[in-house]
Amino acid sequence: MEIVWTAEAIDDLAEIVAYYYAEASPRTAESVRRRIVEQIEGLPPFPERIRASERILGARELVVNRLPYIVFVKALPTSLVVLNVVHTARKFPG
């Protein structure tokens, strides 16, 4: 199963890495990036193991272990589309 990142998801990850680079260290930024990407890459072939999203219709939510981020993904027959990477403190429209 192919993993496809949307432009928005790539921007989200870049912003997260830039934040940790500025606020912590380059090493921390790389560690955070690696943890998020590894957990996404670990989803195939069973993306249904993560919960269905109540916030984005048709998507699933991967809660990143030991980090305050949720990755929204959409499972298609031959690919897994990464929609967004969002901080858990972000307010979603109700």
N, C-alpha and C. Protein backbone atom coordinates (compact mmCIF):
# COMPACT_ATOMS: atom_id res chain seq x y z
N MET A 1 0.85 -1.18 0.00
CA MET A 1 0.00 0.00 0.00
C MET A 1 0.90 1.24 0.00
N GLU A 2 0.64 2.11 -0.95
CA GLU A 2 1.42 3.34 -1.10
C GLU A 2 0.93 4.39 -0.10
N ILE A 3 1.86 5.17 0.45
CA ILE A 3 1.51 6.29 1.32
C ILE A 3 1.69 7.57 0.52
N VAL A 4 0.62 8.36 0.46
CA VAL A 4 0.63 9.61 -0.29
C VAL A 4 0.39 10.76 0.69
N TRP A 5 1.27 11.74 0.66
CA TRP A 5 1.14 12.91 1.52
C TRP A 5 0.52 14.05 0.74
N THR A 6 -0.51 14.69 1.29
CA THR A 6 -1.06 15.89 0.67
C THR A 6 -0.08 17.04 0.92
N ALA A 7 -0.19 18.08 0.12
CA ALA A 7 0.65 19.26 0.31
C ALA A 7 0.41 19.86 1.70
N GLU A 8 -0.82 19.82 2.15
CA GLU A 8 -1.16 20.36 3.46
C GLU A 8 -0.47 19.57 4.58
N ALA A 9 -0.45 18.25 4.45
CA ALA A 9 0.21 17.41 5.45
C ALA A 9 1.72 17.65 5.46
N ILE A 10 2.31 17.82 4.29
CA ILE A 10 3.75 18.11 4.21
C ILE A 10 4.04 19.45 4.89
N ASP A 11 3.19 20.44 4.63
CA ASP A 11 3.35 21.75 5.29
C ASP A 11 3.20 21.63 6.80
N ASP A 12 2.23 20.84 7.25
CA ASP A 12 2.04 20.63 8.69
C ASP A 12 3.30 20.07 9.32
N LEU A 13 3.86 19.03 8.71
CA LEU A 13 5.07 18.41 9.25
C LEU A 13 6.23 19.38 9.24
N ALA A 14 6.37 20.16 8.18
CA ALA A 14 7.46 21.14 8.09
C ALA A 14 7.33 22.19 9.21
N GLU A 15 6.12 22.62 9.49
CA GLU A 15 5.90 23.59 10.57
C GLU A 15 6.24 22.99 11.93
N ILE A 16 5.88 21.75 12.15
CA ILE A 16 6.19 21.07 13.41
C ILE A 16 7.70 20.97 13.58
N VAL A 17 8.40 20.53 12.55
CA VAL A 17 9.86 20.40 12.61
C VAL A 17 10.49 21.77 12.85
N ALA A 18 10.04 22.80 12.16
CA ALA A 18 10.59 24.15 12.35
C ALA A 18 10.38 24.64 13.77
N TYR A 19 9.23 24.35 14.35
CA TYR A 19 8.96 24.74 15.73
C TYR A 19 9.97 24.10 16.68
N TYR A 20 10.14 22.78 16.58
CA TYR A 20 11.07 22.09 17.47
C TYR A 20 12.52 22.50 17.22
N TYR A 21 12.84 22.81 15.98
CA TYR A 21 14.18 23.27 15.63
C TYR A 21 14.47 24.58 16.35
N ALA A 22 13.49 25.51 16.33
CA ALA A 22 13.66 26.83 16.95
C ALA A 22 13.54 26.79 18.47
N GLU A 23 12.62 25.98 18.99
CA GLU A 23 12.33 25.98 20.42
C GLU A 23 13.13 24.97 21.23
N ALA A 24 13.64 23.94 20.59
CA ALA A 24 14.38 22.90 21.32
C ALA A 24 15.77 22.76 20.71
N SER A 25 15.88 21.93 19.69
CA SER A 25 17.17 21.71 19.04
C SER A 25 16.96 20.99 17.71
N PRO A 26 17.95 21.04 16.83
CA PRO A 26 17.84 20.27 15.58
C PRO A 26 17.68 18.78 15.85
N ARG A 27 18.34 18.29 16.87
CA ARG A 27 18.24 16.87 17.20
C ARG A 27 16.81 16.50 17.62
N THR A 28 16.22 17.33 18.44
CA THR A 28 14.83 17.10 18.87
C THR A 28 13.89 17.18 17.68
N ALA A 29 14.09 18.17 16.82
CA ALA A 29 13.25 18.33 15.64
C ALA A 29 13.30 17.08 14.76
N GLU A 30 14.50 16.55 14.55
CA GLU A 30 14.64 15.35 13.73
C GLU A 30 14.00 14.14 14.41
N SER A 31 14.12 14.05 15.70
CA SER A 31 13.51 12.94 16.45
C SER A 31 11.99 12.97 16.33
N VAL A 32 11.40 14.15 16.45
CA VAL A 32 9.95 14.30 16.33
C VAL A 32 9.51 13.95 14.92
N ARG A 33 10.22 14.46 13.91
CA ARG A 33 9.89 14.15 12.52
C ARG A 33 9.94 12.65 12.26
N ARG A 34 11.00 12.02 12.74
CA ARG A 34 11.18 10.59 12.52
C ARG A 34 10.06 9.79 13.20
N ARG A 35 9.69 10.15 14.41
CA ARG A 35 8.63 9.42 15.13
C ARG A 35 7.29 9.52 14.38
N ILE A 36 6.95 10.70 13.91
CA ILE A 36 5.69 10.88 13.19
C ILE A 36 5.71 10.06 11.90
N VAL A 37 6.78 10.18 11.11
CA VAL A 37 6.86 9.48 9.83
C VAL A 37 6.88 7.96 10.03
N GLU A 38 7.63 7.47 11.02
CA GLU A 38 7.68 6.03 11.26
C GLU A 38 6.32 5.46 11.63
N GLN A 39 5.55 6.20 12.43
CA GLN A 39 4.24 5.69 12.81
C GLN A 39 3.29 5.68 11.61
N ILE A 40 3.40 6.66 10.75
CA ILE A 40 2.59 6.66 9.53
C ILE A 40 3.01 5.50 8.63
N GLU A 41 4.30 5.32 8.46
CA GLU A 41 4.79 4.23 7.60
C GLU A 41 4.45 2.85 8.15
N GLY A 42 4.16 2.77 9.44
CA GLY A 42 3.78 1.50 10.06
C GLY A 42 2.31 1.14 9.89
N LEU A 43 1.52 2.02 9.35
CA LEU A 43 0.08 1.76 9.20
C LEU A 43 -0.26 0.67 8.19
N PRO A 44 0.30 0.71 6.98
CA PRO A 44 -0.03 -0.38 6.05
C PRO A 44 0.49 -1.70 6.60
N PRO A 45 -0.14 -2.78 6.42
CA PRO A 45 -1.34 -2.98 5.61
C PRO A 45 -2.64 -2.94 6.41
N PHE A 46 -2.63 -2.44 7.63
CA PHE A 46 -3.84 -2.46 8.45
C PHE A 46 -4.23 -1.08 8.98
N PRO A 47 -4.53 -0.12 8.09
CA PRO A 47 -4.89 1.22 8.57
C PRO A 47 -6.20 1.24 9.35
N GLU A 48 -7.01 0.20 9.20
CA GLU A 48 -8.28 0.16 9.94
C GLU A 48 -8.07 -0.05 11.44
N ARG A 49 -6.84 -0.32 11.85
CA ARG A 49 -6.58 -0.50 13.28
C ARG A 49 -6.64 0.82 14.05
N ILE A 50 -6.62 1.94 13.33
CA ILE A 50 -6.77 3.23 14.03
C ILE A 50 -8.21 3.68 13.93
N ARG A 51 -8.62 4.50 14.87
CA ARG A 51 -10.04 4.85 15.00
C ARG A 51 -10.55 5.73 13.85
N ALA A 52 -11.81 5.55 13.56
CA ALA A 52 -12.48 6.40 12.58
C ALA A 52 -12.61 7.79 13.18
N SER A 53 -12.40 8.79 12.36
CA SER A 53 -12.46 10.18 12.81
C SER A 53 -13.90 10.64 12.93
N GLU A 54 -14.17 11.36 14.00
CA GLU A 54 -15.47 12.00 14.16
C GLU A 54 -15.39 13.45 13.67
N ARG A 55 -14.17 13.90 13.31
CA ARG A 55 -13.96 15.29 12.89
C ARG A 55 -13.89 15.45 11.38
N ILE A 56 -13.36 14.44 10.69
CA ILE A 56 -13.23 14.49 9.23
C ILE A 56 -13.91 13.25 8.66
N LEU A 57 -14.97 13.46 7.94
CA LEU A 57 -15.76 12.37 7.38
C LEU A 57 -14.90 11.49 6.48
N GLY A 58 -14.93 10.18 6.73
CA GLY A 58 -14.21 9.23 5.91
C GLY A 58 -12.74 9.07 6.26
N ALA A 59 -12.27 9.79 7.25
CA ALA A 59 -10.86 9.71 7.63
C ALA A 59 -10.70 8.89 8.90
N ARG A 60 -9.46 8.58 9.20
CA ARG A 60 -9.09 7.89 10.44
C ARG A 60 -8.06 8.75 11.16
N GLU A 61 -7.94 8.55 12.48
CA GLU A 61 -7.03 9.35 13.29
C GLU A 61 -5.97 8.47 13.93
N LEU A 62 -4.73 8.78 13.63
CA LEU A 62 -3.59 8.12 14.26
C LEU A 62 -3.06 9.06 15.34
N VAL A 63 -3.15 8.64 16.60
CA VAL A 63 -2.58 9.42 17.70
C VAL A 63 -1.11 9.00 17.80
N VAL A 64 -0.22 9.98 17.63
CA VAL A 64 1.21 9.69 17.63
C VAL A 64 1.66 9.40 19.07
N ASN A 65 2.28 8.25 19.26
CA ASN A 65 2.75 7.86 20.59
C ASN A 65 3.75 8.86 21.16
N ARG A 66 3.52 9.26 22.39
CA ARG A 66 4.41 10.13 23.16
C ARG A 66 4.63 11.51 22.55
N LEU A 67 3.75 11.92 21.67
CA LEU A 67 3.79 13.28 21.12
C LEU A 67 2.36 13.81 21.04
N PRO A 68 2.19 15.13 21.13
CA PRO A 68 0.83 15.69 21.12
C PRO A 68 0.29 15.95 19.72
N TYR A 69 0.32 14.93 18.86
CA TYR A 69 -0.13 15.10 17.48
C TYR A 69 -1.08 14.00 17.06
N ILE A 70 -2.00 14.39 16.18
CA ILE A 70 -2.93 13.45 15.55
C ILE A 70 -2.68 13.55 14.05
N VAL A 71 -2.58 12.40 13.41
CA VAL A 71 -2.43 12.35 11.96
C VAL A 71 -3.75 11.87 11.38
N PHE A 72 -4.33 12.67 10.49
CA PHE A 72 -5.57 12.31 9.81
C PHE A 72 -5.20 11.64 8.50
N VAL A 73 -5.72 10.43 8.31
CA VAL A 73 -5.43 9.67 7.10
C VAL A 73 -6.73 9.16 6.49
N LYS A 74 -6.67 8.95 5.19
CA LYS A 74 -7.81 8.38 4.48
C LYS A 74 -7.31 7.12 3.78
N ALA A 75 -7.94 5.99 4.07
CA ALA A 75 -7.56 4.72 3.46
C ALA A 75 -8.33 4.52 2.17
N LEU A 76 -7.59 4.37 1.09
CA LEU A 76 -8.16 4.06 -0.22
C LEU A 76 -7.77 2.64 -0.57
N PRO A 77 -8.35 2.05 -1.59
CA PRO A 77 -8.05 0.65 -1.91
C PRO A 77 -6.56 0.34 -2.11
N THR A 78 -5.82 1.26 -2.73
CA THR A 78 -4.41 0.98 -3.00
C THR A 78 -3.45 1.97 -2.35
N SER A 79 -3.99 2.93 -1.61
CA SER A 79 -3.11 3.92 -0.99
C SER A 79 -3.67 4.42 0.33
N LEU A 80 -2.79 5.03 1.08
CA LEU A 80 -3.14 5.66 2.34
C LEU A 80 -2.76 7.13 2.18
N VAL A 81 -3.74 8.02 2.27
CA VAL A 81 -3.50 9.44 2.05
C VAL A 81 -3.39 10.15 3.39
N VAL A 82 -2.24 10.79 3.62
CA VAL A 82 -2.02 11.57 4.83
C VAL A 82 -2.60 12.95 4.57
N LEU A 83 -3.65 13.31 5.31
CA LEU A 83 -4.36 14.56 5.09
C LEU A 83 -3.78 15.72 5.88
N ASN A 84 -3.54 15.50 7.17
CA ASN A 84 -3.04 16.54 8.07
C ASN A 84 -2.29 15.93 9.23
N VAL A 85 -1.42 16.73 9.82
CA VAL A 85 -0.77 16.40 11.08
C VAL A 85 -1.07 17.58 12.00
N VAL A 86 -1.84 17.33 13.06
CA VAL A 86 -2.40 18.41 13.87
C VAL A 86 -2.02 18.24 15.34
N HIS A 87 -1.68 19.36 15.99
CA HIS A 87 -1.42 19.34 17.43
C HIS A 87 -2.74 19.07 18.15
N THR A 88 -2.68 18.28 19.21
CA THR A 88 -3.91 17.89 19.92
C THR A 88 -4.61 19.07 20.59
N ALA A 89 -3.90 20.17 20.83
CA ALA A 89 -4.51 21.34 21.46
C ALA A 89 -5.28 22.20 20.46
N ARG A 90 -5.18 21.89 19.18
CA ARG A 90 -5.86 22.67 18.16
C ARG A 90 -7.37 22.53 18.31
N LYS A 91 -8.05 23.64 18.21
CA LYS A 91 -9.52 23.64 18.30
C LYS A 91 -10.10 23.33 16.93
N PHE A 92 -11.00 22.39 16.90
CA PHE A 92 -11.66 22.03 15.65
C PHE A 92 -13.03 22.68 15.62
N PRO A 93 -13.48 23.04 14.42
CA PRO A 93 -14.85 23.59 14.33
C PRO A 93 -15.85 22.57 14.81
N GLY A 94 -16.84 23.00 15.55
CA GLY A 94 -17.84 22.11 16.10
C GLY A 94 -18.94 21.94 15.16
